[in-house]
Each structure stands twice: as C-alpha cells, then as structure tokens.
N, C-alpha and C. Protein backbone atom coordinates (compact mmCIF):
# COMPACT_ATOMS: atom_id res chain seq x y z
N UNK A 1 38.51 -67.86 -25.85
CA UNK A 1 38.52 -67.04 -24.70
C UNK A 1 38.10 -65.62 -25.05
N UNK A 2 38.58 -65.11 -26.13
CA UNK A 2 38.20 -63.77 -26.55
C UNK A 2 36.72 -63.77 -26.90
N UNK A 3 36.23 -64.80 -27.50
CA UNK A 3 34.83 -64.87 -27.87
C UNK A 3 33.95 -64.88 -26.64
N UNK A 4 34.38 -65.56 -25.58
CA UNK A 4 33.62 -65.62 -24.33
C UNK A 4 33.56 -64.23 -23.70
N UNK A 5 34.68 -63.57 -23.70
CA UNK A 5 34.73 -62.21 -23.13
C UNK A 5 33.84 -61.26 -23.93
N UNK A 6 33.83 -61.39 -25.23
CA UNK A 6 33.01 -60.53 -26.08
C UNK A 6 31.54 -60.81 -25.80
N UNK A 7 31.19 -62.12 -25.61
CA UNK A 7 29.83 -62.47 -25.30
C UNK A 7 29.39 -61.88 -23.95
N UNK A 8 30.23 -61.96 -22.92
CA UNK A 8 29.92 -61.40 -21.61
C UNK A 8 29.74 -59.88 -21.69
N UNK A 9 30.62 -59.27 -22.46
CA UNK A 9 30.54 -57.81 -22.64
C UNK A 9 29.24 -57.44 -23.35
N UNK A 10 28.83 -58.22 -24.33
CA UNK A 10 27.59 -57.97 -25.06
C UNK A 10 26.40 -58.14 -24.14
N UNK A 11 26.44 -59.16 -23.27
CA UNK A 11 25.35 -59.38 -22.33
C UNK A 11 25.23 -58.21 -21.34
N UNK A 12 26.41 -57.76 -20.82
CA UNK A 12 26.39 -56.61 -19.88
C UNK A 12 25.89 -55.36 -20.59
N UNK A 13 26.27 -55.17 -21.82
CA UNK A 13 25.82 -54.00 -22.58
C UNK A 13 24.32 -54.07 -22.79
N UNK A 14 23.80 -55.28 -23.09
CA UNK A 14 22.36 -55.44 -23.29
C UNK A 14 21.62 -55.15 -21.98
N UNK A 15 22.12 -55.61 -20.85
CA UNK A 15 21.51 -55.36 -19.55
C UNK A 15 21.52 -53.86 -19.24
N UNK A 16 22.67 -53.23 -19.51
CA UNK A 16 22.78 -51.79 -19.27
C UNK A 16 21.83 -51.01 -20.17
N UNK A 17 21.68 -51.45 -21.42
CA UNK A 17 20.78 -50.79 -22.35
C UNK A 17 19.34 -50.92 -21.87
N UNK A 18 18.97 -52.10 -21.33
CA UNK A 18 17.61 -52.28 -20.80
C UNK A 18 17.38 -51.36 -19.60
N UNK A 19 18.40 -51.24 -18.73
CA UNK A 19 18.28 -50.36 -17.56
C UNK A 19 18.14 -48.91 -18.00
N UNK A 20 18.93 -48.51 -18.98
CA UNK A 20 18.87 -47.14 -19.50
C UNK A 20 17.50 -46.88 -20.12
N UNK A 21 16.99 -47.84 -20.86
CA UNK A 21 15.68 -47.69 -21.48
C UNK A 21 14.60 -47.56 -20.41
N UNK A 22 14.67 -48.36 -19.34
CA UNK A 22 13.69 -48.28 -18.26
C UNK A 22 13.77 -46.92 -17.56
N UNK A 23 14.98 -46.46 -17.31
CA UNK A 23 15.16 -45.14 -16.68
C UNK A 23 14.63 -44.03 -17.57
N UNK A 24 14.86 -44.12 -18.85
CA UNK A 24 14.36 -43.11 -19.79
C UNK A 24 12.83 -43.11 -19.79
N UNK A 25 12.22 -44.30 -19.78
CA UNK A 25 10.77 -44.41 -19.75
C UNK A 25 10.22 -43.80 -18.45
N UNK A 26 10.88 -44.12 -17.34
CA UNK A 26 10.46 -43.55 -16.05
C UNK A 26 10.61 -42.02 -16.07
N UNK A 27 11.69 -41.53 -16.64
CA UNK A 27 11.92 -40.08 -16.71
C UNK A 27 10.84 -39.39 -17.53
N UNK A 28 10.43 -40.03 -18.63
CA UNK A 28 9.36 -39.46 -19.46
C UNK A 28 8.07 -39.42 -18.65
N UNK A 29 7.79 -40.46 -17.88
CA UNK A 29 6.59 -40.49 -17.04
C UNK A 29 6.63 -39.39 -15.97
N UNK A 30 7.80 -39.20 -15.35
CA UNK A 30 7.94 -38.16 -14.33
C UNK A 30 7.75 -36.78 -14.97
N UNK A 31 8.32 -36.58 -16.14
CA UNK A 31 8.19 -35.29 -16.83
C UNK A 31 6.72 -35.02 -17.20
N UNK A 32 6.01 -36.07 -17.65
CA UNK A 32 4.60 -35.89 -17.99
C UNK A 32 3.77 -35.54 -16.75
N UNK A 33 4.03 -36.23 -15.63
CA UNK A 33 3.31 -35.91 -14.39
C UNK A 33 3.64 -34.50 -13.92
N UNK A 34 4.90 -34.11 -14.05
CA UNK A 34 5.30 -32.75 -13.66
C UNK A 34 4.58 -31.71 -14.51
N UNK A 35 4.48 -31.97 -15.79
CA UNK A 35 3.77 -31.06 -16.69
C UNK A 35 2.30 -30.93 -16.29
N UNK A 36 1.66 -32.08 -15.98
CA UNK A 36 0.26 -32.05 -15.56
C UNK A 36 0.10 -31.26 -14.26
N UNK A 37 1.01 -31.47 -13.30
CA UNK A 37 0.94 -30.74 -12.04
C UNK A 37 1.10 -29.23 -12.27
N UNK A 38 2.02 -28.88 -13.14
CA UNK A 38 2.21 -27.45 -13.45
C UNK A 38 0.97 -26.87 -14.11
N UNK A 39 0.36 -27.66 -15.01
CA UNK A 39 -0.87 -27.19 -15.65
C UNK A 39 -1.97 -26.96 -14.60
N UNK A 40 -2.00 -27.79 -13.55
CA UNK A 40 -2.99 -27.61 -12.49
C UNK A 40 -2.62 -26.43 -11.57
N UNK A 41 -1.33 -26.23 -11.34
CA UNK A 41 -0.89 -25.19 -10.41
C UNK A 41 -1.02 -23.78 -10.99
N UNK A 42 -0.75 -23.63 -12.26
CA UNK A 42 -0.74 -22.29 -12.87
C UNK A 42 -2.08 -21.56 -12.67
N UNK A 43 -3.21 -22.19 -12.95
CA UNK A 43 -4.47 -21.46 -12.71
C UNK A 43 -4.67 -21.07 -11.24
N UNK A 44 -4.29 -21.96 -10.31
CA UNK A 44 -4.48 -21.61 -8.90
C UNK A 44 -3.51 -20.51 -8.48
N UNK A 45 -2.33 -20.48 -9.07
CA UNK A 45 -1.39 -19.39 -8.78
C UNK A 45 -1.97 -18.08 -9.30
N UNK A 46 -2.54 -18.12 -10.49
CA UNK A 46 -3.16 -16.91 -11.03
C UNK A 46 -4.33 -16.47 -10.16
N UNK A 47 -5.13 -17.43 -9.66
CA UNK A 47 -6.26 -17.10 -8.79
C UNK A 47 -5.77 -16.48 -7.49
N UNK A 48 -4.71 -17.07 -6.92
CA UNK A 48 -4.16 -16.54 -5.67
C UNK A 48 -3.58 -15.16 -5.88
N UNK A 49 -3.07 -14.89 -7.05
CA UNK A 49 -2.52 -13.57 -7.36
C UNK A 49 -3.61 -12.52 -7.48
N UNK A 50 -4.82 -12.93 -7.83
CA UNK A 50 -5.94 -12.00 -8.01
C UNK A 50 -6.24 -11.18 -6.77
N UNK A 51 -6.50 -11.84 -5.61
CA UNK A 51 -6.78 -11.05 -4.41
C UNK A 51 -5.63 -10.12 -4.03
N UNK A 52 -4.41 -10.59 -4.21
CA UNK A 52 -3.25 -9.74 -3.90
C UNK A 52 -3.22 -8.52 -4.79
N UNK A 53 -3.55 -8.71 -6.05
CA UNK A 53 -3.59 -7.58 -6.97
C UNK A 53 -4.74 -6.64 -6.61
N UNK A 54 -5.86 -7.20 -6.18
CA UNK A 54 -6.99 -6.37 -5.78
C UNK A 54 -6.64 -5.54 -4.55
N UNK A 55 -5.96 -6.14 -3.59
CA UNK A 55 -5.55 -5.42 -2.39
C UNK A 55 -4.57 -4.32 -2.76
N UNK A 56 -3.64 -4.63 -3.63
CA UNK A 56 -2.67 -3.63 -4.07
C UNK A 56 -3.35 -2.47 -4.77
N UNK A 57 -4.30 -2.78 -5.63
CA UNK A 57 -5.04 -1.74 -6.35
C UNK A 57 -5.85 -0.88 -5.38
N UNK A 58 -6.52 -1.53 -4.44
CA UNK A 58 -7.31 -0.78 -3.44
C UNK A 58 -6.41 0.11 -2.60
N UNK A 59 -5.24 -0.39 -2.27
CA UNK A 59 -4.29 0.40 -1.47
C UNK A 59 -3.84 1.64 -2.24
N UNK A 60 -3.58 1.47 -3.54
CA UNK A 60 -3.18 2.63 -4.36
C UNK A 60 -4.32 3.65 -4.44
N UNK A 61 -5.55 3.16 -4.60
CA UNK A 61 -6.71 4.06 -4.66
C UNK A 61 -6.88 4.80 -3.34
N UNK A 62 -6.69 4.08 -2.24
CA UNK A 62 -6.83 4.71 -0.92
C UNK A 62 -5.75 5.77 -0.72
N UNK A 63 -4.54 5.46 -1.12
CA UNK A 63 -3.44 6.42 -1.00
C UNK A 63 -3.73 7.66 -1.82
N UNK A 64 -4.26 7.47 -3.01
CA UNK A 64 -4.61 8.60 -3.86
C UNK A 64 -5.71 9.44 -3.22
N UNK A 65 -6.71 8.79 -2.62
CA UNK A 65 -7.79 9.50 -1.95
C UNK A 65 -7.29 10.31 -0.76
N UNK A 66 -6.38 9.72 0.02
CA UNK A 66 -5.81 10.43 1.17
C UNK A 66 -5.02 11.63 0.69
N UNK A 67 -4.30 11.47 -0.38
CA UNK A 67 -3.53 12.59 -0.95
C UNK A 67 -4.45 13.72 -1.39
N UNK A 68 -5.57 13.37 -2.02
CA UNK A 68 -6.54 14.38 -2.45
C UNK A 68 -7.15 15.10 -1.24
N UNK A 69 -7.43 14.35 -0.20
CA UNK A 69 -7.99 14.95 1.02
C UNK A 69 -6.98 15.91 1.64
N UNK A 70 -5.71 15.50 1.68
CA UNK A 70 -4.67 16.37 2.23
C UNK A 70 -4.56 17.67 1.44
N UNK A 71 -4.62 17.57 0.12
CA UNK A 71 -4.56 18.78 -0.71
C UNK A 71 -5.76 19.68 -0.43
N UNK A 72 -6.94 19.07 -0.34
CA UNK A 72 -8.16 19.85 -0.08
C UNK A 72 -8.08 20.52 1.28
N UNK A 73 -7.57 19.81 2.29
CA UNK A 73 -7.46 20.40 3.63
C UNK A 73 -6.46 21.55 3.63
N UNK A 74 -5.39 21.43 2.86
CA UNK A 74 -4.43 22.52 2.75
C UNK A 74 -5.09 23.75 2.13
N UNK A 75 -5.91 23.52 1.10
CA UNK A 75 -6.61 24.63 0.46
C UNK A 75 -7.61 25.27 1.42
N UNK A 76 -8.33 24.44 2.18
CA UNK A 76 -9.27 24.98 3.17
C UNK A 76 -8.51 25.80 4.20
N UNK A 77 -7.37 25.30 4.63
CA UNK A 77 -6.56 26.02 5.62
C UNK A 77 -6.11 27.37 5.07
N UNK A 78 -5.69 27.39 3.80
CA UNK A 78 -5.28 28.65 3.19
C UNK A 78 -6.43 29.65 3.13
N UNK A 79 -7.62 29.16 2.85
CA UNK A 79 -8.79 30.05 2.74
C UNK A 79 -9.21 30.54 4.12
N UNK A 80 -9.14 29.67 5.11
CA UNK A 80 -9.65 30.04 6.43
C UNK A 80 -8.64 30.80 7.28
N UNK A 81 -7.36 30.77 6.95
CA UNK A 81 -6.37 31.50 7.75
C UNK A 81 -6.70 32.98 7.86
N UNK A 82 -6.94 33.69 6.75
CA UNK A 82 -7.27 35.11 6.88
C UNK A 82 -8.54 35.32 7.69
N UNK A 83 -9.52 34.44 7.52
CA UNK A 83 -10.77 34.56 8.27
C UNK A 83 -10.51 34.39 9.76
N UNK A 84 -9.65 33.42 10.12
CA UNK A 84 -9.33 33.21 11.53
C UNK A 84 -8.61 34.42 12.10
N UNK A 85 -7.67 34.99 11.33
CA UNK A 85 -6.95 36.18 11.80
C UNK A 85 -7.92 37.33 12.00
N UNK A 86 -8.82 37.53 11.03
CA UNK A 86 -9.79 38.62 11.13
C UNK A 86 -10.70 38.41 12.34
N UNK A 87 -11.17 37.17 12.50
CA UNK A 87 -12.05 36.88 13.63
C UNK A 87 -11.33 37.09 14.95
N UNK A 88 -10.07 36.67 15.01
CA UNK A 88 -9.29 36.85 16.22
C UNK A 88 -9.13 38.32 16.55
N UNK A 89 -8.84 39.12 15.54
CA UNK A 89 -8.71 40.58 15.77
C UNK A 89 -10.05 41.18 16.17
N UNK A 90 -11.10 40.74 15.50
CA UNK A 90 -12.43 41.28 15.82
C UNK A 90 -12.80 40.94 17.26
N UNK A 91 -12.53 39.69 17.66
CA UNK A 91 -12.82 39.30 19.04
C UNK A 91 -11.96 40.10 20.02
N UNK A 92 -10.72 40.28 19.62
CA UNK A 92 -9.81 41.04 20.47
C UNK A 92 -10.33 42.47 20.65
N UNK A 93 -10.73 43.08 19.57
CA UNK A 93 -11.25 44.44 19.62
C UNK A 93 -12.61 44.50 20.32
N UNK A 94 -13.45 43.50 20.05
CA UNK A 94 -14.76 43.51 20.70
C UNK A 94 -14.59 43.29 22.20
N UNK A 95 -13.58 42.56 22.56
CA UNK A 95 -13.31 42.36 23.98
C UNK A 95 -12.84 43.65 24.64
N UNK A 96 -12.16 44.47 23.93
CA UNK A 96 -11.66 45.74 24.46
C UNK A 96 -12.75 46.81 24.50
N UNK A 97 -13.68 46.72 23.60
CA UNK A 97 -14.69 47.77 23.49
C UNK A 97 -15.47 47.96 24.78
N UNK A 98 -15.99 46.92 25.41
CA UNK A 98 -16.71 47.15 26.67
C UNK A 98 -15.81 47.76 27.74
N UNK A 99 -14.56 47.31 27.79
CA UNK A 99 -13.64 47.88 28.77
C UNK A 99 -13.37 49.34 28.46
N UNK A 100 -13.22 49.63 27.18
CA UNK A 100 -12.98 51.01 26.78
C UNK A 100 -14.19 51.87 27.12
N UNK A 101 -15.38 51.36 26.86
CA UNK A 101 -16.60 52.11 27.20
C UNK A 101 -16.68 52.35 28.71
N UNK A 102 -16.34 51.29 29.47
CA UNK A 102 -16.38 51.42 30.92
C UNK A 102 -15.38 52.47 31.38
N UNK A 103 -14.18 52.42 30.80
CA UNK A 103 -13.16 53.41 31.17
C UNK A 103 -13.63 54.81 30.81
N UNK A 104 -14.17 54.94 29.62
CA UNK A 104 -14.63 56.25 29.19
C UNK A 104 -15.75 56.75 30.09
N UNK A 105 -16.67 55.86 30.43
CA UNK A 105 -17.77 56.28 31.28
C UNK A 105 -17.26 56.61 32.68
N UNK A 106 -16.29 55.87 33.18
CA UNK A 106 -15.72 56.18 34.50
C UNK A 106 -15.00 57.51 34.45
N UNK A 107 -14.27 57.74 33.37
CA UNK A 107 -13.55 59.00 33.22
C UNK A 107 -14.51 60.17 33.13
N UNK A 108 -15.61 59.94 32.43
CA UNK A 108 -16.56 61.04 32.32
C UNK A 108 -17.21 61.32 33.66
N UNK A 109 -17.46 60.29 34.46
CA UNK A 109 -18.02 60.53 35.79
C UNK A 109 -17.01 61.25 36.67
N UNK A 110 -15.74 60.77 36.55
CA UNK A 110 -14.70 61.41 37.34
C UNK A 110 -14.54 62.86 36.92
N UNK A 111 -14.60 63.09 35.62
CA UNK A 111 -14.47 64.45 35.12
C UNK A 111 -15.62 65.31 35.61
N UNK A 112 -16.82 64.77 35.61
CA UNK A 112 -17.99 65.52 36.06
C UNK A 112 -17.88 65.80 37.55
N UNK A 113 -17.36 64.78 38.31
CA UNK A 113 -17.23 64.98 39.76
C UNK A 113 -16.18 66.04 40.06
N UNK A 114 -15.13 66.06 39.25
CA UNK A 114 -14.06 67.04 39.48
C UNK A 114 -14.55 68.43 39.16
N UNK A 115 -15.45 68.56 38.21
CA UNK A 115 -15.97 69.88 37.82
C UNK A 115 -16.87 70.45 38.93
N UNK A 116 -17.49 69.62 39.62
CA UNK A 116 -18.42 70.09 40.64
C UNK A 116 -17.71 70.60 41.79
C-alpha cells in the first residue's frame, strides 16, 4: 500500500514537473518576443522624440529672439524719449509762435491806433 502511494505521488510529481517545464518554456518564448518588440519599439520611440525635441528647441530659440527684440525695443524707447520730449516742446513752441506774432502785430496796430 505504501509502495502504491509512493508510485502515485511519483507520477503526480512527474506530471507537475512536465507542466512546470512547459510553462518555463512558454515563459522563455514570451520573454524573447517581448525583447524583440522592445527592440523594435525603442527606435520608433527615439524617432517620435525627435520632432518633439525639435519643437522644444525651436520654441526656446523663438523665446530668446523675442527677449532680444524686447531688449532692443526698450533701448530704442530710451533713445527716442528725449527726442519725443524735445519734439513735443518744439511743436508746442512753434504752435505758440504764430499766435504770439499775431498778438504782437495786433498790439502794435492797437498801439499805433492809440497814438494817432
């Protein structure tokens, strides 16, 4: 009876060992296929990353260019502010000059009329 039980146990162990061996073989096959898929995916991931990196680089260059333009415009503004003030004053004074001349000429006529 003990011998029969040992034989049954040995048979079940052999069956389990065959199943384990088949599962291990299948697992090795799955791992190999996964490795191949990863080998195929990595280059395409790198390729897909290329345009994104190009866009990022272009964006940084554009931001730098805008910053340079802003600095240049600030410098132009600093240079032109005194010129604008001077021009504004000159226009203001030139606008008064004809009126002043007219007033002076009217006053001189009035003065001449009063003398007569």
